[in-house]
Protein backbone atom coordinates (compact mmCIF):
# COMPACT_ATOMS: atom_id res chain seq x y z
CA UNK A 1 -25.93 6.03 14.46
CA UNK A 2 -29.60 6.98 14.48
CA UNK A 3 -32.60 5.04 13.35
CA UNK A 4 -33.32 4.82 9.67
CA UNK A 5 -36.80 6.19 10.07
CA UNK A 6 -35.83 9.59 11.46
CA UNK A 7 -38.39 9.09 14.21
CA UNK A 8 -41.19 7.83 11.95
CA UNK A 9 -41.70 4.09 12.59
CA UNK A 10 -43.84 3.47 9.52
CA UNK A 11 -42.82 0.62 7.27
CA UNK A 12 -43.22 2.77 4.17
CA UNK A 13 -40.79 5.38 5.46
CA UNK A 14 -38.28 2.67 6.33
CA UNK A 15 -38.52 1.29 2.82
CA UNK A 16 -38.15 4.74 1.28
CA UNK A 17 -35.15 5.44 3.51
CA UNK A 18 -33.51 2.20 2.42
CA UNK A 19 -34.10 3.02 -1.24
CA UNK A 20 -32.53 6.47 -0.91
CA UNK A 21 -29.56 5.10 1.03
CA UNK A 22 -28.97 2.53 -1.69
CA UNK A 23 -28.89 5.32 -4.26
CA UNK A 24 -26.29 7.22 -2.22
CA UNK A 25 -24.22 4.19 -1.22
CA UNK A 26 -21.58 4.33 -3.96
CA UNK A 27 -20.14 7.53 -2.51
CA UNK A 28 -21.21 9.87 -5.31
CA UNK A 29 -23.03 12.99 -4.15
CA UNK A 30 -26.56 13.36 -5.55
CA UNK A 31 -29.07 16.18 -5.85
CA UNK A 32 -32.69 15.70 -4.80
CA UNK A 33 -33.59 15.60 -8.48
CA UNK A 34 -31.01 12.87 -9.06
CA UNK A 35 -32.37 10.84 -6.15
CA UNK A 36 -35.95 11.21 -7.35
CA UNK A 37 -34.96 9.96 -10.78
CA UNK A 38 -32.88 7.06 -9.46
CA UNK A 39 -35.40 5.87 -6.88
CA UNK A 40 -38.69 6.57 -8.64
CA UNK A 41 -39.90 8.45 -5.55
CA UNK A 42 -41.48 11.89 -5.73
CA UNK A 43 -39.24 14.85 -4.97
CA UNK A 44 -41.18 15.82 -1.80
CA UNK A 45 -40.83 12.24 -0.54
CA UNK A 46 -37.10 12.21 -1.29
CA UNK A 47 -36.67 15.56 0.42
CA UNK A 48 -38.45 14.38 3.58
CA UNK A 49 -36.55 11.10 3.71
CA UNK A 50 -33.21 12.82 3.13
CA UNK A 51 -33.85 15.26 5.97
CA UNK A 52 -34.53 12.32 8.27
CA UNK A 53 -31.30 10.60 7.18
CA UNK A 54 -29.34 13.80 7.81
CA UNK A 55 -30.82 13.98 11.32
CA UNK A 56 -29.87 10.32 11.85
CA UNK A 57 -26.28 11.10 10.91
CA UNK A 58 -26.22 8.76 7.90
CA UNK A 59 -26.30 11.42 5.18
CA UNK A 60 -24.80 14.90 4.93
CA UNK A 61 -24.94 17.79 2.51
CA UNK A 62 -21.91 17.81 0.21
CA UNK A 63 -19.94 20.87 -0.79
CA UNK A 64 -20.70 22.27 -4.27
CA UNK A 65 -18.40 21.09 -7.02
CA UNK A 66 -15.64 23.52 -7.99
CA UNK A 67 -16.86 26.09 -10.48
CA UNK A 68 -20.53 25.17 -10.01
CA UNK A 69 -21.39 28.40 -8.19
CA UNK A 70 -19.80 30.56 -10.89
CA UNK A 71 -21.69 28.79 -13.67
CA UNK A 72 -25.13 28.51 -12.13
CA UNK A 73 -25.43 30.94 -9.24
CA UNK A 74 -26.77 29.12 -6.24
CA UNK A 75 -26.15 25.40 -6.97
CA UNK A 76 -28.57 22.60 -6.24
CA UNK A 77 -28.02 20.95 -2.87
CA UNK A 78 -26.13 17.66 -3.09
CA UNK A 79 -26.09 14.87 -0.52
CA UNK A 80 -23.75 11.96 0.18
CA UNK A 81 -23.77 8.81 2.32
CA UNK A 82 -21.62 9.16 5.46
CA UNK A 83 -19.51 6.01 5.41
CA UNK A 84 -17.66 7.49 8.38
CA UNK A 85 -20.83 7.45 10.50
CA UNK A 86 -19.78 4.07 11.84
CA UNK A 87 -17.07 1.46 11.48
CA UNK A 88 -16.85 -2.29 11.11
CA UNK A 89 -14.21 -4.77 12.19
CA UNK A 90 -13.29 -8.15 10.71
CA UNK A 91 -11.08 -10.41 12.85
CA UNK A 92 -9.35 -13.70 12.08
CA UNK A 93 -8.28 -15.91 14.99
CA UNK A 94 -5.95 -18.59 13.67
CA UNK A 95 -3.42 -21.12 14.94
CA UNK A 96 -0.39 -18.92 14.18
CA UNK A 97 -1.72 -15.37 14.00
CA UNK A 98 -4.60 -13.04 14.71
CA UNK A 99 -5.45 -10.26 12.27
CA UNK A 100 -7.98 -7.46 11.95
CA UNK A 101 -9.43 -5.31 9.16
CA UNK A 102 -11.28 -2.04 9.78
CA UNK A 103 -13.70 -0.34 7.39
CA UNK A 104 -16.33 2.34 7.22
CA UNK A 105 -20.00 1.60 6.54
CA UNK A 106 -19.20 1.22 2.85
CA UNK A 107 -16.90 -1.76 3.47
CA UNK A 108 -13.78 0.02 2.22
CA UNK A 109 -10.80 -0.99 4.34
CA UNK A 110 -9.10 1.88 6.18
CA UNK A 111 -6.92 -0.02 8.63
CA UNK A 112 -5.33 -3.42 9.19
CA UNK A 113 -3.05 -5.20 11.64
CA UNK A 114 -1.86 -8.63 12.70
CA UNK A 115 0.23 -10.33 15.36
CA UNK A 116 1.83 -13.74 15.53
CA UNK A 117 0.63 -16.11 18.24
CA UNK A 118 2.15 -19.44 19.30
CA UNK A 119 0.14 -22.50 18.26
CA UNK A 120 0.32 -23.67 21.89
CA UNK A 121 -1.19 -20.44 23.28
CA UNK A 122 -4.11 -20.84 25.66
CA UNK A 123 -7.53 -19.42 24.86
CA UNK A 124 -6.92 -16.50 27.25
CA UNK A 125 -3.56 -15.71 25.66
CA UNK A 126 -5.04 -15.85 22.17
CA UNK A 127 -7.91 -13.54 23.11
CA UNK A 128 -5.47 -11.12 24.75
CA UNK A 129 -3.61 -11.00 21.45
CA UNK A 130 -6.88 -10.23 19.64
CA UNK A 131 -7.55 -7.32 21.97
CA UNK A 132 -4.02 -6.01 21.41
CA UNK A 133 -4.35 -6.12 17.62
CA UNK A 134 -7.75 -4.42 17.67
CA UNK A 135 -6.58 -1.69 20.04
CA UNK A 136 -3.57 -1.02 17.80
CA UNK A 137 -5.69 -0.75 14.63
CA UNK A 138 -8.18 1.59 16.30
CA UNK A 139 -5.37 3.75 17.70
CA UNK A 140 -3.58 4.08 14.35
CA UNK A 141 -6.76 4.99 12.47
CA UNK A 142 -8.14 7.29 15.16
CA UNK A 143 -11.43 5.38 15.34
CA UNK A 144 -12.98 5.26 18.83
CA UNK A 145 -14.08 1.85 20.11
CA UNK A 146 -17.57 3.29 20.56
CA UNK A 147 -17.69 3.99 16.82
CA UNK A 148 -17.76 0.28 15.96
CA UNK A 149 -21.19 -0.86 14.77
CA UNK A 150 -20.45 -4.58 14.38
CA UNK A 151 -17.54 -7.00 14.68
CA UNK A 152 -17.20 -10.17 12.60
CA UNK A 153 -14.88 -12.98 13.69
CA UNK A 154 -13.59 -16.00 11.74
CA UNK A 155 -12.22 -18.96 13.67
CA UNK A 156 -11.50 -22.66 13.17
CA UNK A 157 -14.13 -25.02 14.51
CA UNK A 158 -17.84 -25.71 14.44
CA UNK A 159 -19.53 -22.49 15.54
CA UNK A 160 -23.05 -22.26 16.93
CA UNK A 161 -25.38 -19.33 16.25
CA UNK A 162 -24.57 -17.63 19.57
CA UNK A 163 -20.83 -17.74 18.88
CA UNK A 164 -19.97 -20.74 21.01
CA UNK A 165 -17.38 -23.09 19.52
CA UNK A 166 -18.98 -26.51 19.78
CA UNK A 167 -15.88 -28.29 18.51
CA UNK A 168 -12.51 -26.70 17.79
CA UNK A 169 -9.55 -29.08 17.79
CA UNK A 170 -7.13 -26.73 15.97
CA UNK A 171 -6.72 -24.34 18.92
CA UNK A 172 -6.00 -25.27 22.57
CA UNK A 173 -8.95 -24.72 24.86
CA UNK A 174 -11.27 -23.85 21.99
CA UNK A 175 -13.86 -26.66 22.22
CA UNK A 176 -16.82 -25.41 24.24
CA UNK A 177 -15.45 -21.85 24.39
CA UNK A 178 -18.16 -19.17 24.57
CA UNK A 179 -16.16 -17.10 22.09
CA UNK A 180 -18.95 -14.70 21.21
CA UNK A 181 -19.67 -13.91 24.86
CA UNK A 182 -15.98 -13.47 25.68
CA UNK A 183 -15.47 -11.02 22.83
CA UNK A 184 -18.67 -9.06 23.51
CA UNK A 185 -17.14 -7.97 26.80
CA UNK A 186 -14.63 -5.93 24.80
CA UNK A 187 -17.11 -4.24 22.46
CA UNK A 188 -20.32 -2.26 22.80
CA UNK A 189 -21.72 -3.61 19.54
CA UNK A 190 -22.86 -6.94 18.07
CA UNK A 191 -20.13 -9.59 17.68
CA UNK A 192 -20.78 -12.29 15.06
CA UNK A 193 -18.63 -15.43 15.06
CA UNK A 194 -18.24 -17.68 12.01
CA UNK A 195 -16.24 -20.72 10.96
CA UNK A 196 -13.06 -19.63 9.13
CA UNK A 197 -13.73 -21.55 5.90
CA UNK A 198 -17.26 -20.16 5.75
CA UNK A 199 -15.91 -16.64 6.22
CA UNK A 200 -13.35 -17.19 3.46
CA UNK A 201 -16.08 -18.42 1.08
CA UNK A 202 -18.04 -15.23 1.72
CA UNK A 203 -14.91 -13.15 1.12
CA UNK A 204 -14.15 -14.76 -2.24
CA UNK A 205 -17.75 -14.16 -3.31
CA UNK A 206 -17.47 -10.50 -2.23
CA UNK A 207 -14.02 -9.48 -3.42
CA UNK A 208 -12.18 -12.54 -4.73
CA UNK A 209 -12.31 -15.31 -7.29
CA UNK A 210 -16.04 -15.94 -6.83
CA UNK A 211 -17.47 -12.48 -7.52
CA UNK A 212 -19.48 -13.78 -10.49
CA UNK A 213 -20.59 -17.08 -8.92
CA UNK A 214 -23.45 -17.70 -6.50
CA UNK A 215 -22.68 -21.42 -6.17
CA UNK A 216 -19.15 -21.95 -4.94
CA UNK A 217 -17.06 -24.00 -2.55
CA UNK A 218 -14.03 -22.54 -0.80
CA UNK A 219 -11.51 -25.16 0.33
CA UNK A 220 -9.29 -24.08 3.21
CA UNK A 221 -6.66 -26.64 2.38
CA UNK A 222 -4.15 -27.90 4.90
CA UNK A 223 -3.49 -30.97 7.00
CA UNK A 224 -6.97 -30.55 8.47
CA UNK A 225 -8.91 -29.14 5.52
CA UNK A 226 -12.29 -27.47 5.80
CA UNK A 227 -14.67 -25.97 3.30
CA UNK A 228 -17.27 -23.26 3.13
CA UNK A 229 -20.10 -23.20 0.60
CA UNK A 230 -22.46 -20.70 -0.94
CA UNK A 231 -25.59 -22.16 -2.49
CA UNK A 232 -27.76 -19.81 -4.50
CA UNK A 233 -25.77 -16.88 -3.13
CA UNK A 234 -26.32 -17.77 0.53
CA UNK A 235 -23.88 -19.24 3.00
CA UNK A 236 -24.66 -22.89 3.75
CA UNK A 237 -23.79 -23.84 7.33
CA UNK A 238 -25.85 -27.00 7.70
CA UNK A 239 -28.26 -27.69 10.56
CA UNK A 240 -25.66 -27.41 13.32
CA UNK A 241 -22.88 -25.45 11.62
CA UNK A 242 -20.80 -28.50 10.66
CA UNK A 243 -21.24 -28.39 6.88
CA UNK A 244 -17.98 -28.66 4.96
CA UNK A 245 -15.88 -30.45 7.58
CA UNK A 246 -14.13 -32.53 4.94
CA UNK A 247 -11.14 -33.04 7.22
CA UNK A 248 -13.15 -35.75 8.97
CA UNK A 249 -13.74 -37.86 5.85
CA UNK A 250 -10.88 -40.21 6.73
CA UNK A 251 -12.99 -41.33 9.71
CA UNK A 252 -15.37 -42.96 7.22
CA UNK A 253 -12.75 -45.53 6.30
CA UNK A 254 -10.72 -43.65 3.74
CA UNK A 255 -7.48 -44.63 5.48
CA UNK A 256 -4.86 -42.55 7.25
CA UNK A 257 -5.30 -38.97 8.35
CA UNK A 258 -3.63 -36.27 6.19
CA UNK A 259 -0.89 -35.72 8.77
CA UNK A 260 0.09 -39.38 8.40
CA UNK A 261 -0.09 -39.30 4.61
CA UNK A 262 2.30 -36.36 4.42
CA UNK A 263 4.80 -37.86 6.84
CA UNK A 264 8.04 -39.37 5.51
CA UNK A 265 8.62 -41.31 8.75
CA UNK A 266 6.55 -43.61 10.93
CA UNK A 267 5.38 -40.61 12.98
CA UNK A 268 2.52 -38.38 11.73
CA UNK A 269 3.21 -34.67 11.35
CA UNK A 270 1.64 -32.34 13.87
CA UNK A 271 -1.40 -30.78 12.14
CA UNK A 272 -0.26 -27.25 13.04
CA UNK A 273 3.46 -27.67 12.36
CA UNK A 274 3.69 -25.63 9.17
CA UNK A 275 7.49 -25.71 9.21
CA UNK A 276 7.54 -29.50 9.06
CA UNK A 277 5.02 -29.41 6.21
CA UNK A 278 7.10 -26.84 4.31
CA UNK A 279 10.18 -29.04 4.69
CA UNK A 280 8.40 -32.03 3.13
CA UNK A 281 7.33 -29.97 0.12
CA UNK A 282 10.79 -28.41 -0.21
CA UNK A 283 12.39 -31.85 -0.26
CA UNK A 284 9.85 -33.04 -2.82
CA UNK A 285 10.82 -30.15 -5.12
CA UNK A 286 14.48 -31.21 -4.92
CA UNK A 287 13.59 -34.74 -6.03
CA UNK A 288 13.50 -36.59 -2.70
CA UNK A 289 11.53 -39.73 -3.56
CA UNK A 290 10.06 -40.23 -0.09
CA UNK A 291 8.91 -36.63 0.10
CA UNK A 292 7.46 -36.75 -3.42
CA UNK A 293 5.49 -39.87 -2.53
CA UNK A 294 4.18 -38.15 0.61
CA UNK A 295 3.10 -35.07 -1.37
CA UNK A 296 1.37 -37.28 -3.94
CA UNK A 297 -0.53 -39.09 -1.17
CA UNK A 298 -1.60 -35.79 0.37
CA UNK A 299 -2.70 -34.34 -2.98
CA UNK A 300 -4.72 -37.46 -3.77
CA UNK A 301 -6.51 -37.22 -0.42
CA UNK A 302 -7.26 -33.54 -0.95
CA UNK A 303 -8.70 -34.32 -4.39
CA UNK A 304 -10.95 -37.03 -2.95
CA UNK A 305 -12.13 -34.78 -0.12
CA UNK A 306 -13.01 -31.97 -2.53
CA UNK A 307 -14.65 -34.39 -4.97
CA UNK A 308 -16.97 -35.65 -2.22
CA UNK A 309 -18.19 -32.11 -1.60
CA UNK A 310 -18.51 -31.32 -5.31
CA UNK A 311 -20.60 -34.44 -5.89
CA UNK A 312 -22.93 -33.44 -3.07
CA UNK A 313 -23.32 -29.74 -3.94
CA UNK A 314 -22.56 -29.41 -7.69
CA UNK A 315 -20.95 -25.94 -7.36
CA UNK A 316 -20.06 -23.81 -10.34
CA UNK A 317 -16.68 -22.93 -8.80
CA UNK A 318 -14.15 -24.38 -6.36
CA UNK A 319 -11.72 -21.88 -4.84
CA UNK A 320 -8.62 -23.26 -3.12
CA UNK A 321 -7.03 -21.30 -0.27
CA UNK A 322 -5.05 -22.04 2.87
CA UNK A 323 -1.38 -22.93 2.79
CA UNK A 324 -2.00 -25.71 0.26
CA UNK A 325 -2.95 -23.03 -2.27
CA UNK A 326 0.74 -22.25 -2.48
CA UNK A 327 1.73 -25.75 -3.47
CA UNK A 328 3.36 -26.07 -6.85
CA UNK A 329 1.01 -27.71 -9.32
CA UNK A 330 -2.01 -28.16 -7.02
CA UNK A 331 -4.55 -27.04 -9.64
CA UNK A 332 -3.80 -29.48 -12.49
CA UNK A 333 -4.41 -32.67 -10.44
CA UNK A 334 -7.48 -31.13 -8.85
CA UNK A 335 -8.97 -30.24 -12.22
CA UNK A 336 -8.02 -33.57 -13.74
CA UNK A 337 -9.40 -35.71 -10.93
CA UNK A 338 -12.58 -33.68 -10.46
CA UNK A 339 -13.24 -34.14 -14.17
CA UNK A 340 -12.76 -37.86 -13.64
CA UNK A 341 -14.95 -38.27 -10.54
CA UNK A 342 -17.64 -35.60 -10.94
CA UNK A 343 -20.62 -35.68 -13.27
CA UNK A 344 -20.22 -31.97 -13.99
CA UNK A 345 -16.70 -30.75 -13.17
CA UNK A 346 -16.60 -27.25 -11.66
CA UNK A 347 -14.13 -24.50 -12.44
CA UNK A 348 -11.18 -24.60 -10.04
CA UNK A 349 -9.28 -21.42 -9.12
CA UNK A 350 -6.81 -20.29 -6.49
CA UNK A 351 -7.91 -17.76 -3.88
CA UNK A 352 -7.33 -14.16 -4.90
CA UNK A 353 -7.34 -12.96 -1.29
CA UNK A 354 -4.72 -15.28 0.16
CA UNK A 355 -4.08 -14.82 3.88
CA UNK A 356 -6.62 -11.98 4.04
CA UNK A 357 -9.57 -14.21 3.06
CA UNK A 358 -10.83 -15.09 6.54
CA UNK A 359 -10.59 -11.57 7.99
CA UNK A 360 -12.20 -10.14 4.83
CA UNK A 361 -15.10 -12.57 5.16
CA UNK A 362 -15.47 -11.67 8.84
CA UNK A 363 -15.67 -8.00 7.82
CA UNK A 364 -18.40 -8.88 5.30
CA UNK A 365 -20.26 -10.64 8.12
CA UNK A 366 -20.23 -7.41 10.12
CA UNK A 367 -21.25 -5.39 7.07
CA UNK A 368 -24.18 -7.71 6.37
CA UNK A 369 -25.40 -7.27 9.93
CA UNK A 370 -25.38 -3.48 9.61
CA UNK A 371 -26.96 -3.58 6.16
CA UNK A 372 -29.90 -5.52 7.57
CA UNK A 373 -30.53 -2.48 9.77
CA UNK A 374 -29.67 0.24 7.26
CA UNK A 375 -31.35 -1.13 4.18
CA UNK A 376 -34.15 -3.27 5.61
CA UNK A 377 -32.58 -6.30 3.92
CA UNK A 378 -34.46 -9.48 4.82
CA UNK A 379 -31.82 -11.99 3.76
CA UNK A 380 -28.12 -11.31 3.25
CA UNK A 381 -25.41 -13.72 2.18
CA UNK A 382 -24.44 -14.48 5.77
CA UNK A 383 -27.80 -14.18 7.54
CA UNK A 384 -28.69 -17.12 9.77
CA UNK A 385 -32.14 -18.62 9.46
């Protein structure tokens, strides 16, 4: 993919190029007259910029519409944005699976894949599984690895700006892992690593329940819940990337950990044992008193954890995802208790993206990175300070 400027490094030409690209971005072919009207630029300026974008491989001349030649003789030249000029990858690395989404430069998904991975897998085994999934998606879509312009990755843990996982207790061997560096060995493009809840928050804002809200909290609810937040339309990571780690609130004296609260015996559940969790909820639905009490304890803790974040951030919207989003009746107690504890209760909705939320947010991370280059954007939703 060439430079935006078509060889001219001037700031003005970069700005004009970005404006024209924005006008072409929706996929509809435009004439030079259309582009001049839409951008407010003179026709000679639009013509010069468009020629540079064609040379850079980002724009191409579109075929005339059917019947246009017969009606008008020689039709006006039309141009379109080449979404196929590069591709983006969004990857989720989770306790039980790895998944990948592939898109063109317009963010439209053209390929997807996932593989199960044991929760006990080592870091090397998990990364091997990532490489397998990515290779399979690229093979099935016919996209060469060299055609990738950016890769976004969502993972559990506190992630530093360079992609190192400072703390990651959910995956074996993850704490201290230079994840960004390890993955960059497999790609010839930028690799951007983000906390999974943060990625999911970005995804819901882009394509999910939070499209119309710039102030939202996404709760990745499970035995070790986490949260991602957008404040004023920008992702809030905190000073060191640890914002939203509500799973640690029990350390402040709030009592037992969630895995103990949801246990029906004297032994806590394993935080990653989803089958054991599912069994507790299944028994609760059949009327088992011990299981129902455990589910009530867990729900109460989740409500308190979310309320603490809502009181601090005052979001317009709380989106609940993760496996707890599938619990029967999770929304009514959340709404009721947030109304009780919070000065201004937010709207509470379930995730619209489900299991695809983290990978979708990782894809948006990659798209934001490319857009900073293509459109001279100074601050995107996911840009780090």
